[in-house]
């Protein structure tokens, strides 16, 4: 499909698909959430792992919709790179769909516990699609339902990009600590 806006969250890269629906972005190796959008179609998010020694080809589809774009969902996508900028490789771990498949674990809880290097009870909250108002208990999600995962250790308190965003992130971290959970987990679901 031509004219689809493609952006890679956590990087400055973005483009539009050409007349054949293809695109190329020169991103560094890493884990990214790629967002595809075009008027008249539902936004699509895809977790992509770019290895060190090669590029990555992805295939995606967009579903027609007559709904207006959700501004809350757009705001949550905007905040993901802000969290990534504040995080360190020690305090944050990211997993794409491909990573989860390679790990071969069925429960999201297993991934979160291993990433947080601590104890996470099965009732700990998982923030869904970046929206702190939408949470589910950790035990409820399987890795098959997830496109991208963010796991942040509680000691991740960095100077902020914006005071309001940092305050919200700090509140999320305090909420996790008060609940007996040792990390804050975000799960971007497959749609």
N, C-alpha and C. Protein backbone atom coordinates (compact mmCIF):
# COMPACT_ATOMS: atom_id res chain seq x y z
N UNK A 1 0.86 -1.17 0.00
CA UNK A 1 0.00 0.00 0.00
C UNK A 1 0.90 1.23 0.00
N UNK A 2 0.76 2.10 -0.94
CA UNK A 2 1.59 3.31 -0.98
C UNK A 2 1.11 4.36 0.02
N UNK A 3 2.03 5.24 0.41
CA UNK A 3 1.67 6.38 1.24
C UNK A 3 1.40 6.09 2.70
N UNK A 4 1.86 4.95 3.20
CA UNK A 4 1.69 4.63 4.62
C UNK A 4 2.83 5.29 5.39
N UNK A 5 2.49 6.03 6.45
CA UNK A 5 3.51 6.64 7.30
C UNK A 5 4.11 5.55 8.20
N UNK A 6 5.44 5.46 8.18
CA UNK A 6 6.14 4.47 8.99
C UNK A 6 7.07 5.22 9.93
N UNK A 7 6.93 4.98 11.24
CA UNK A 7 7.85 5.61 12.19
C UNK A 7 8.36 4.55 13.15
N UNK A 8 9.61 4.73 13.56
CA UNK A 8 10.26 3.81 14.47
C UNK A 8 10.39 4.53 15.81
N UNK A 9 9.60 4.09 16.79
CA UNK A 9 9.63 4.74 18.10
C UNK A 9 10.97 4.48 18.78
N UNK A 10 11.47 5.48 19.45
CA UNK A 10 12.77 5.37 20.09
C UNK A 10 13.91 5.74 19.15
N UNK A 11 13.57 6.24 17.96
CA UNK A 11 14.59 6.72 17.02
C UNK A 11 14.02 7.93 16.29
N UNK A 12 14.84 8.57 15.50
CA UNK A 12 14.37 9.73 14.74
C UNK A 12 13.97 9.33 13.32
N UNK A 13 13.89 8.05 13.05
CA UNK A 13 13.61 7.57 11.69
C UNK A 13 12.13 7.45 11.40
N UNK A 14 11.78 7.89 10.20
CA UNK A 14 10.42 7.77 9.72
C UNK A 14 10.41 7.99 8.21
N UNK A 15 9.39 7.45 7.55
CA UNK A 15 9.29 7.58 6.10
C UNK A 15 7.85 7.25 5.69
N UNK A 16 7.62 7.24 4.38
CA UNK A 16 6.36 6.76 3.81
C UNK A 16 6.68 5.63 2.84
N UNK A 17 5.74 4.70 2.72
CA UNK A 17 5.94 3.60 1.78
C UNK A 17 5.88 4.13 0.35
N UNK A 18 6.61 3.47 -0.55
CA UNK A 18 6.62 3.89 -1.95
C UNK A 18 5.41 3.32 -2.70
N UNK A 19 5.42 3.43 -4.02
CA UNK A 19 4.26 3.00 -4.83
C UNK A 19 4.01 1.50 -4.75
N UNK A 20 5.01 0.72 -4.33
CA UNK A 20 4.83 -0.73 -4.19
C UNK A 20 4.52 -1.13 -2.75
N UNK A 21 4.52 -0.15 -1.84
CA UNK A 21 4.27 -0.44 -0.43
C UNK A 21 5.53 -0.75 0.35
N UNK A 22 6.69 -0.60 -0.28
CA UNK A 22 7.96 -0.89 0.37
C UNK A 22 8.54 0.37 1.03
N UNK A 23 9.45 0.15 1.97
CA UNK A 23 10.16 1.26 2.61
C UNK A 23 11.49 0.75 3.13
N UNK A 24 12.39 1.68 3.42
CA UNK A 24 13.68 1.36 4.01
C UNK A 24 14.01 2.44 5.02
N UNK A 25 14.47 2.00 6.19
CA UNK A 25 14.94 2.94 7.22
C UNK A 25 16.27 2.42 7.77
N UNK A 26 17.30 3.26 7.82
CA UNK A 26 18.63 2.82 8.27
C UNK A 26 18.77 2.86 9.80
N UNK A 27 18.04 2.03 10.51
CA UNK A 27 18.12 2.03 11.98
C UNK A 27 19.28 1.17 12.45
N UNK A 28 19.76 1.49 13.63
CA UNK A 28 20.84 0.74 14.26
C UNK A 28 20.27 -0.56 14.82
N UNK A 29 21.12 -1.54 15.10
CA UNK A 29 20.63 -2.76 15.75
C UNK A 29 19.93 -2.42 17.07
N UNK A 30 18.87 -3.13 17.36
CA UNK A 30 18.12 -2.89 18.59
C UNK A 30 16.71 -3.41 18.50
N UNK A 31 15.92 -3.06 19.50
CA UNK A 31 14.52 -3.46 19.59
C UNK A 31 13.65 -2.23 19.47
N UNK A 32 12.68 -2.29 18.56
CA UNK A 32 11.87 -1.12 18.27
C UNK A 32 10.40 -1.48 18.17
N UNK A 33 9.57 -0.49 18.39
CA UNK A 33 8.15 -0.59 18.10
C UNK A 33 7.93 0.29 16.87
N UNK A 34 7.51 -0.33 15.78
CA UNK A 34 7.29 0.35 14.51
C UNK A 34 5.80 0.65 14.39
N UNK A 35 5.48 1.89 14.04
CA UNK A 35 4.08 2.31 13.91
C UNK A 35 3.80 2.61 12.44
N UNK A 36 2.71 2.02 11.93
CA UNK A 36 2.28 2.24 10.55
C UNK A 36 0.90 2.86 10.59
N UNK A 37 0.71 3.97 9.83
CA UNK A 37 -0.61 4.59 9.84
C UNK A 37 -0.88 5.26 8.49
N UNK A 38 -2.17 5.27 8.16
CA UNK A 38 -2.65 5.94 6.95
C UNK A 38 -4.12 6.27 7.18
N UNK A 39 -4.55 7.41 6.70
CA UNK A 39 -5.95 7.82 6.86
C UNK A 39 -6.87 6.74 6.32
N UNK A 40 -7.94 6.45 7.07
CA UNK A 40 -8.92 5.46 6.66
C UNK A 40 -8.58 4.04 7.10
N UNK A 41 -7.46 3.88 7.80
CA UNK A 41 -7.03 2.56 8.26
C UNK A 41 -6.65 2.62 9.74
N UNK A 42 -6.84 1.50 10.43
CA UNK A 42 -6.46 1.42 11.84
C UNK A 42 -4.93 1.40 11.94
N UNK A 43 -4.41 2.10 12.92
CA UNK A 43 -2.96 2.15 13.15
C UNK A 43 -2.48 0.73 13.49
N UNK A 44 -1.30 0.37 13.01
CA UNK A 44 -0.71 -0.93 13.30
C UNK A 44 0.62 -0.71 14.00
N UNK A 45 0.90 -1.49 15.05
CA UNK A 45 2.18 -1.44 15.74
C UNK A 45 2.82 -2.82 15.66
N UNK A 46 4.12 -2.83 15.38
CA UNK A 46 4.84 -4.09 15.22
C UNK A 46 6.16 -3.99 15.98
N UNK A 47 6.43 -4.97 16.83
CA UNK A 47 7.72 -5.06 17.50
C UNK A 47 8.73 -5.65 16.53
N UNK A 48 9.88 -4.99 16.39
CA UNK A 48 10.90 -5.44 15.43
C UNK A 48 12.26 -5.48 16.12
N UNK A 49 12.94 -6.62 15.98
CA UNK A 49 14.31 -6.76 16.45
C UNK A 49 15.24 -6.66 15.24
N UNK A 50 16.16 -5.71 15.28
CA UNK A 50 17.14 -5.56 14.21
C UNK A 50 18.46 -6.11 14.74
N UNK A 51 18.93 -7.24 14.19
CA UNK A 51 20.18 -7.83 14.68
C UNK A 51 21.41 -7.03 14.28
N UNK A 52 22.53 -7.32 14.90
CA UNK A 52 23.78 -6.59 14.65
C UNK A 52 24.34 -6.82 13.25
N UNK A 53 24.19 -8.01 12.73
CA UNK A 53 24.90 -8.36 11.50
C UNK A 53 24.04 -8.37 10.24
N UNK A 54 22.78 -7.93 10.35
CA UNK A 54 21.92 -7.93 9.16
C UNK A 54 20.75 -6.99 9.37
N UNK A 55 20.03 -6.72 8.32
CA UNK A 55 18.84 -5.91 8.41
C UNK A 55 17.64 -6.75 8.79
N UNK A 56 16.47 -6.19 8.62
CA UNK A 56 15.25 -6.92 8.97
C UNK A 56 14.19 -6.56 7.96
N UNK A 57 13.51 -7.57 7.42
CA UNK A 57 12.36 -7.35 6.57
C UNK A 57 11.12 -7.61 7.40
N UNK A 58 10.11 -6.76 7.22
CA UNK A 58 8.85 -6.97 7.92
C UNK A 58 7.72 -6.90 6.91
N UNK A 59 6.64 -7.58 7.23
CA UNK A 59 5.42 -7.50 6.44
C UNK A 59 4.31 -7.09 7.39
N UNK A 60 3.46 -6.20 6.94
CA UNK A 60 2.38 -5.72 7.79
C UNK A 60 1.14 -5.48 6.94
N UNK A 61 0.03 -5.36 7.61
CA UNK A 61 -1.21 -5.06 6.92
C UNK A 61 -1.96 -4.00 7.72
N UNK A 62 -2.79 -3.26 7.04
CA UNK A 62 -3.64 -2.26 7.69
C UNK A 62 -5.09 -2.62 7.41
N UNK A 63 -5.91 -2.49 8.43
CA UNK A 63 -7.32 -2.83 8.34
C UNK A 63 -8.12 -1.54 8.15
N UNK A 64 -9.00 -1.50 7.14
CA UNK A 64 -9.83 -0.30 6.94
C UNK A 64 -10.70 -0.01 8.17
N UNK A 65 -10.88 1.27 8.47
CA UNK A 65 -11.73 1.66 9.59
C UNK A 65 -12.36 3.01 9.28
N UNK A 66 -13.52 3.23 9.87
CA UNK A 66 -14.15 4.55 9.72
C UNK A 66 -14.06 5.33 11.03
N UNK A 67 -13.36 4.77 12.03
CA UNK A 67 -13.18 5.45 13.31
C UNK A 67 -12.09 6.52 13.18
N UNK A 68 -12.27 7.58 13.94
CA UNK A 68 -11.24 8.62 14.00
C UNK A 68 -10.07 8.11 14.83
N UNK A 69 -8.85 8.58 14.54
CA UNK A 69 -7.69 8.16 15.34
C UNK A 69 -7.89 8.50 16.82
N UNK A 70 -7.47 7.61 17.68
CA UNK A 70 -7.61 7.77 19.12
C UNK A 70 -6.47 8.65 19.65
N UNK A 71 -6.77 9.86 20.14
CA UNK A 71 -5.70 10.74 20.61
C UNK A 71 -4.99 10.20 21.85
N UNK A 72 -5.68 9.43 22.68
CA UNK A 72 -5.05 8.84 23.87
C UNK A 72 -4.00 7.82 23.43
N UNK A 73 -4.36 6.97 22.46
CA UNK A 73 -3.41 5.98 21.95
C UNK A 73 -2.19 6.68 21.34
N UNK A 74 -2.41 7.77 20.63
CA UNK A 74 -1.29 8.52 20.04
C UNK A 74 -0.39 9.09 21.14
N UNK A 75 -0.98 9.58 22.22
CA UNK A 75 -0.19 10.11 23.33
C UNK A 75 0.62 9.02 24.00
N UNK A 76 0.05 7.82 24.14
CA UNK A 76 0.78 6.72 24.76
C UNK A 76 1.96 6.29 23.89
N UNK A 77 1.77 6.29 22.58
CA UNK A 77 2.88 5.98 21.67
C UNK A 77 3.96 7.05 21.73
N UNK A 78 3.56 8.29 21.94
CA UNK A 78 4.51 9.39 22.07
C UNK A 78 5.38 9.22 23.33
N UNK A 79 4.79 8.69 24.39
CA UNK A 79 5.52 8.58 25.66
C UNK A 79 6.50 7.41 25.70
N UNK A 80 6.31 6.39 24.86
CA UNK A 80 7.23 5.25 24.86
C UNK A 80 8.68 5.69 24.62
N UNK A 81 8.99 6.45 23.58
CA UNK A 81 10.39 6.86 23.40
C UNK A 81 10.92 7.73 24.54
N UNK A 82 10.03 8.48 25.20
CA UNK A 82 10.47 9.28 26.34
C UNK A 82 10.92 8.38 27.48
N UNK A 83 10.19 7.29 27.73
CA UNK A 83 10.61 6.33 28.76
C UNK A 83 11.94 5.69 28.37
N UNK A 84 12.07 5.36 27.10
CA UNK A 84 13.31 4.72 26.63
C UNK A 84 14.52 5.64 26.79
N UNK A 85 14.33 6.93 26.55
CA UNK A 85 15.43 7.89 26.68
C UNK A 85 15.88 8.01 28.13
N UNK A 86 14.96 7.89 29.09
CA UNK A 86 15.30 8.01 30.51
C UNK A 86 15.90 6.74 31.07
N UNK A 87 15.70 5.63 30.40
CA UNK A 87 16.11 4.34 30.94
C UNK A 87 17.58 4.05 30.64
N UNK A 88 18.11 3.09 31.38
CA UNK A 88 19.47 2.58 31.13
C UNK A 88 19.37 1.11 30.76
N UNK A 89 20.45 0.57 30.21
CA UNK A 89 20.43 -0.85 29.84
C UNK A 89 20.33 -1.76 31.07
N UNK A 90 20.69 -1.25 32.23
CA UNK A 90 20.59 -2.03 33.46
C UNK A 90 19.16 -2.01 34.01
N UNK A 91 18.52 -0.86 33.92
CA UNK A 91 17.21 -0.71 34.56
C UNK A 91 16.03 -1.01 33.65
N UNK A 92 16.26 -1.22 32.35
CA UNK A 92 15.15 -1.45 31.42
C UNK A 92 15.50 -2.56 30.45
N UNK A 93 14.50 -3.36 30.17
CA UNK A 93 14.64 -4.43 29.17
C UNK A 93 13.45 -4.35 28.23
N UNK A 94 13.71 -4.62 26.94
CA UNK A 94 12.66 -4.57 25.92
C UNK A 94 12.64 -5.89 25.18
N UNK A 95 11.45 -6.32 24.82
CA UNK A 95 11.27 -7.57 24.08
C UNK A 95 10.28 -7.35 22.95
N UNK A 96 10.66 -7.80 21.77
CA UNK A 96 9.75 -7.76 20.63
C UNK A 96 9.04 -9.11 20.53
N UNK A 97 8.10 -9.20 19.64
CA UNK A 97 7.39 -10.45 19.38
C UNK A 97 8.39 -11.58 19.06
N UNK A 98 9.37 -11.25 18.22
CA UNK A 98 10.40 -12.23 17.85
C UNK A 98 11.19 -12.70 19.07
N UNK A 99 11.57 -11.79 19.96
CA UNK A 99 12.29 -12.17 21.17
C UNK A 99 11.47 -13.13 22.03
N UNK A 100 10.18 -12.82 22.18
CA UNK A 100 9.31 -13.66 23.00
C UNK A 100 9.20 -15.06 22.42
N UNK A 101 9.11 -15.16 21.10
CA UNK A 101 9.05 -16.47 20.46
C UNK A 101 10.34 -17.24 20.67
N UNK A 102 11.49 -16.57 20.58
CA UNK A 102 12.78 -17.23 20.77
C UNK A 102 12.98 -17.69 22.21
N UNK A 103 12.43 -16.94 23.17
CA UNK A 103 12.54 -17.35 24.57
C UNK A 103 11.76 -18.64 24.84
N UNK A 104 10.69 -18.84 24.10
CA UNK A 104 9.92 -20.07 24.24
C UNK A 104 9.15 -20.18 25.54
N UNK A 105 8.78 -19.08 26.14
CA UNK A 105 7.98 -19.12 27.37
C UNK A 105 6.56 -18.70 27.05
N UNK A 106 5.63 -19.28 27.75
CA UNK A 106 4.21 -19.01 27.47
C UNK A 106 3.65 -17.86 28.28
N UNK A 107 4.19 -17.63 29.47
CA UNK A 107 3.62 -16.61 30.37
C UNK A 107 4.46 -15.34 30.35
N UNK A 108 3.79 -14.21 30.26
CA UNK A 108 4.47 -12.92 30.31
C UNK A 108 5.16 -12.75 31.66
N UNK A 109 4.59 -13.31 32.70
CA UNK A 109 5.18 -13.22 34.04
C UNK A 109 6.61 -13.74 34.06
N UNK A 110 6.88 -14.83 33.35
CA UNK A 110 8.23 -15.39 33.32
C UNK A 110 9.23 -14.39 32.73
N UNK A 111 8.83 -13.71 31.70
CA UNK A 111 9.70 -12.71 31.06
C UNK A 111 9.93 -11.55 32.02
N UNK A 112 8.86 -11.08 32.66
CA UNK A 112 8.97 -9.93 33.56
C UNK A 112 9.83 -10.25 34.77
N UNK A 113 9.68 -11.43 35.35
CA UNK A 113 10.48 -11.81 36.52
C UNK A 113 11.96 -11.88 36.15
N UNK A 114 12.28 -12.52 35.04
CA UNK A 114 13.68 -12.63 34.61
C UNK A 114 14.28 -11.25 34.32
N UNK A 115 13.49 -10.34 33.77
CA UNK A 115 13.98 -9.02 33.40
C UNK A 115 14.16 -8.09 34.59
N UNK A 116 13.31 -8.26 35.59
CA UNK A 116 13.36 -7.34 36.74
C UNK A 116 14.36 -7.78 37.78
N UNK A 117 14.89 -8.99 37.66
CA UNK A 117 15.82 -9.57 38.63
C UNK A 117 15.26 -9.46 40.04
N UNK A 118 14.00 -9.69 40.16
CA UNK A 118 13.35 -9.63 41.47
C UNK A 118 12.12 -10.49 41.49
N UNK A 119 11.31 -10.25 42.47
CA UNK A 119 10.11 -11.03 42.64
C UNK A 119 8.92 -10.25 42.11
N UNK A 120 8.16 -10.87 41.27
CA UNK A 120 6.93 -10.27 40.76
C UNK A 120 5.81 -11.27 41.02
N UNK A 121 4.87 -10.86 41.82
CA UNK A 121 3.73 -11.72 42.07
C UNK A 121 2.84 -11.76 40.84
N UNK A 122 2.10 -12.83 40.70
CA UNK A 122 1.27 -12.99 39.50
C UNK A 122 0.17 -11.94 39.41
N UNK A 123 -0.18 -11.30 40.52
CA UNK A 123 -1.20 -10.26 40.51
C UNK A 123 -0.68 -8.86 40.23
N UNK A 124 0.63 -8.73 40.02
CA UNK A 124 1.19 -7.41 39.72
C UNK A 124 0.57 -6.86 38.45
N UNK A 125 0.41 -5.53 38.38
CA UNK A 125 -0.25 -4.95 37.20
C UNK A 125 0.68 -4.86 35.99
N UNK A 126 0.09 -5.03 34.84
CA UNK A 126 0.76 -4.79 33.56
C UNK A 126 0.01 -3.64 32.90
N UNK A 127 0.73 -2.63 32.50
CA UNK A 127 0.13 -1.47 31.84
C UNK A 127 -0.06 -1.82 30.37
N UNK A 128 -1.29 -1.73 29.90
CA UNK A 128 -1.64 -2.16 28.55
C UNK A 128 -1.54 -1.00 27.56
N UNK A 129 -0.83 -1.23 26.48
CA UNK A 129 -0.67 -0.27 25.39
C UNK A 129 -0.26 1.13 25.88
N UNK A 130 0.58 1.15 26.92
CA UNK A 130 1.13 2.40 27.41
C UNK A 130 0.22 3.25 28.27
N UNK A 131 -1.04 2.83 28.45
CA UNK A 131 -2.03 3.63 29.16
C UNK A 131 -2.15 3.18 30.62
N UNK A 132 -1.64 3.96 31.59
CA UNK A 132 -1.67 3.55 32.99
C UNK A 132 -3.08 3.35 33.55
N UNK A 133 -4.09 3.83 32.83
CA UNK A 133 -5.47 3.60 33.28
C UNK A 133 -5.97 2.23 32.87
N UNK A 134 -5.24 1.58 31.96
CA UNK A 134 -5.61 0.24 31.50
C UNK A 134 -4.57 -0.76 31.99
N UNK A 135 -4.93 -1.53 33.00
CA UNK A 135 -4.00 -2.53 33.53
C UNK A 135 -4.70 -3.88 33.61
N UNK A 136 -3.90 -4.91 33.60
CA UNK A 136 -4.36 -6.28 33.82
C UNK A 136 -3.39 -6.93 34.79
N UNK A 137 -3.83 -7.95 35.51
CA UNK A 137 -2.87 -8.69 36.35
C UNK A 137 -1.89 -9.46 35.46
N UNK A 138 -0.66 -9.55 35.91
CA UNK A 138 0.41 -10.19 35.15
C UNK A 138 0.06 -11.61 34.73
N UNK A 139 -0.61 -12.34 35.59
CA UNK A 139 -0.92 -13.74 35.29
C UNK A 139 -1.86 -13.90 34.11
N UNK A 140 -2.59 -12.84 33.76
CA UNK A 140 -3.62 -12.94 32.75
C UNK A 140 -3.09 -12.94 31.31
N UNK A 141 -1.87 -12.45 31.10
CA UNK A 141 -1.36 -12.31 29.74
C UNK A 141 -0.38 -13.43 29.38
N UNK A 142 -0.57 -13.97 28.20
CA UNK A 142 0.39 -14.93 27.64
C UNK A 142 1.28 -14.16 26.67
N UNK A 143 2.44 -14.69 26.40
CA UNK A 143 3.36 -14.03 25.47
C UNK A 143 2.78 -14.00 24.05
N UNK A 144 1.89 -14.93 23.73
CA UNK A 144 1.28 -14.97 22.39
C UNK A 144 0.39 -13.76 22.11
N UNK A 145 -0.05 -13.06 23.16
CA UNK A 145 -0.92 -11.91 23.01
C UNK A 145 -0.17 -10.59 22.86
N UNK A 146 1.15 -10.64 22.98
CA UNK A 146 1.95 -9.42 23.14
C UNK A 146 2.83 -9.17 21.91
N UNK A 147 2.91 -7.91 21.51
CA UNK A 147 3.77 -7.49 20.39
C UNK A 147 5.09 -6.90 20.88
N UNK A 148 5.06 -6.18 22.01
CA UNK A 148 6.26 -5.51 22.52
C UNK A 148 6.11 -5.38 24.03
N UNK A 149 7.21 -5.57 24.77
CA UNK A 149 7.20 -5.50 26.23
C UNK A 149 8.30 -4.56 26.71
N UNK A 150 7.96 -3.75 27.71
CA UNK A 150 8.93 -2.91 28.40
C UNK A 150 8.91 -3.33 29.87
N UNK A 151 10.09 -3.55 30.45
CA UNK A 151 10.19 -3.88 31.87
C UNK A 151 11.18 -2.91 32.50
N UNK A 152 10.72 -2.16 33.50
CA UNK A 152 11.56 -1.15 34.17
C UNK A 152 11.73 -1.51 35.64
N UNK A 153 12.99 -1.54 36.10
CA UNK A 153 13.29 -1.76 37.51
C UNK A 153 12.90 -0.51 38.29
N UNK A 154 12.50 -0.65 39.57
CA UNK A 154 12.04 0.51 40.34
C UNK A 154 13.07 1.61 40.55
N UNK A 155 14.34 1.30 40.49
CA UNK A 155 15.35 2.33 40.73
C UNK A 155 15.59 3.22 39.52
N UNK A 156 14.77 3.09 38.48
CA UNK A 156 14.93 3.89 37.27
C UNK A 156 14.35 5.29 37.48
N UNK A 157 15.10 6.15 38.16
CA UNK A 157 14.66 7.53 38.38
C UNK A 157 15.68 8.45 37.74
N UNK A 158 15.41 8.87 36.55
CA UNK A 158 16.35 9.70 35.80
C UNK A 158 15.80 11.11 35.64
N UNK A 159 16.67 12.09 35.45
CA UNK A 159 16.18 13.42 35.12
C UNK A 159 15.30 13.34 33.89
N UNK A 160 14.22 14.08 33.92
CA UNK A 160 13.20 13.87 32.90
C UNK A 160 13.31 14.70 31.65
N UNK A 161 12.61 14.25 30.66
CA UNK A 161 12.45 14.99 29.42
C UNK A 161 11.40 16.07 29.65
N UNK A 162 10.41 15.75 30.45
CA UNK A 162 9.36 16.70 30.79
C UNK A 162 8.91 16.42 32.21
N UNK A 163 8.68 17.43 32.98
CA UNK A 163 8.32 17.25 34.39
C UNK A 163 7.03 16.44 34.55
N UNK A 164 6.03 16.69 33.72
CA UNK A 164 4.77 15.96 33.83
C UNK A 164 4.96 14.49 33.51
N UNK A 165 5.73 14.19 32.46
CA UNK A 165 5.98 12.79 32.11
C UNK A 165 6.79 12.10 33.18
N UNK A 166 7.79 12.78 33.71
CA UNK A 166 8.61 12.19 34.77
C UNK A 166 7.76 11.95 36.02
N UNK A 167 6.87 12.89 36.35
CA UNK A 167 6.01 12.72 37.52
C UNK A 167 5.10 11.51 37.35
N UNK A 168 4.53 11.34 36.15
CA UNK A 168 3.66 10.19 35.91
C UNK A 168 4.46 8.89 35.99
N UNK A 169 5.67 8.89 35.38
CA UNK A 169 6.51 7.70 35.41
C UNK A 169 6.89 7.36 36.86
N UNK A 170 7.24 8.39 37.64
CA UNK A 170 7.58 8.18 39.05
C UNK A 170 6.40 7.63 39.83
N UNK A 171 5.20 8.15 39.54
CA UNK A 171 3.99 7.64 40.21
C UNK A 171 3.75 6.18 39.87
N UNK A 172 3.99 5.81 38.61
CA UNK A 172 3.83 4.41 38.20
C UNK A 172 4.82 3.53 38.95
N UNK A 173 6.05 4.00 39.08
CA UNK A 173 7.08 3.23 39.78
C UNK A 173 6.73 3.08 41.26
N UNK A 174 6.25 4.17 41.90
CA UNK A 174 5.86 4.09 43.31
C UNK A 174 4.67 3.15 43.51
N UNK A 175 3.73 3.18 42.56
CA UNK A 175 2.57 2.29 42.63
C UNK A 175 3.03 0.83 42.57
N UNK A 176 3.98 0.54 41.70
CA UNK A 176 4.49 -0.83 41.58
C UNK A 176 5.18 -1.25 42.87
N UNK A 177 6.00 -0.35 43.44
CA UNK A 177 6.71 -0.69 44.67
C UNK A 177 5.74 -0.90 45.83
N UNK A 178 4.71 -0.08 45.93
CA UNK A 178 3.73 -0.20 47.00
C UNK A 178 2.92 -1.49 46.89
N UNK A 179 2.76 -1.99 45.69
CA UNK A 179 1.96 -3.19 45.50
C UNK A 179 2.76 -4.46 45.74
N UNK A 180 4.05 -4.34 46.10
CA UNK A 180 4.88 -5.51 46.29
C UNK A 180 5.50 -6.01 45.00
N UNK A 181 5.36 -5.24 43.95
CA UNK A 181 5.92 -5.61 42.66
C UNK A 181 7.27 -4.91 42.49
N UNK A 182 8.22 -5.61 41.93
CA UNK A 182 9.57 -5.07 41.84
C UNK A 182 9.88 -4.39 40.51
N UNK A 183 8.91 -4.28 39.63
CA UNK A 183 9.15 -3.65 38.33
C UNK A 183 7.83 -3.10 37.79
N UNK A 184 7.96 -2.20 36.83
CA UNK A 184 6.80 -1.72 36.08
C UNK A 184 6.87 -2.37 34.70
N UNK A 185 5.77 -3.00 34.31
CA UNK A 185 5.72 -3.74 33.06
C UNK A 185 4.68 -3.11 32.15
N UNK A 186 5.08 -2.84 30.91
CA UNK A 186 4.18 -2.36 29.87
C UNK A 186 4.08 -3.45 28.81
N UNK A 187 2.88 -3.77 28.39
CA UNK A 187 2.67 -4.76 27.32
C UNK A 187 1.87 -4.10 26.20
N UNK A 188 2.43 -4.10 25.01
CA UNK A 188 1.74 -3.59 23.82
C UNK A 188 1.14 -4.81 23.14
N UNK A 189 -0.17 -4.89 23.13
CA UNK A 189 -0.84 -6.08 22.65
C UNK A 189 -0.89 -6.16 21.13
N UNK A 190 -0.99 -7.38 20.65
CA UNK A 190 -1.17 -7.61 19.21
C UNK A 190 -2.61 -7.27 18.86
N UNK A 191 -2.82 -6.52 17.82
CA UNK A 191 -4.18 -6.13 17.42
C UNK A 191 -4.51 -6.68 16.07
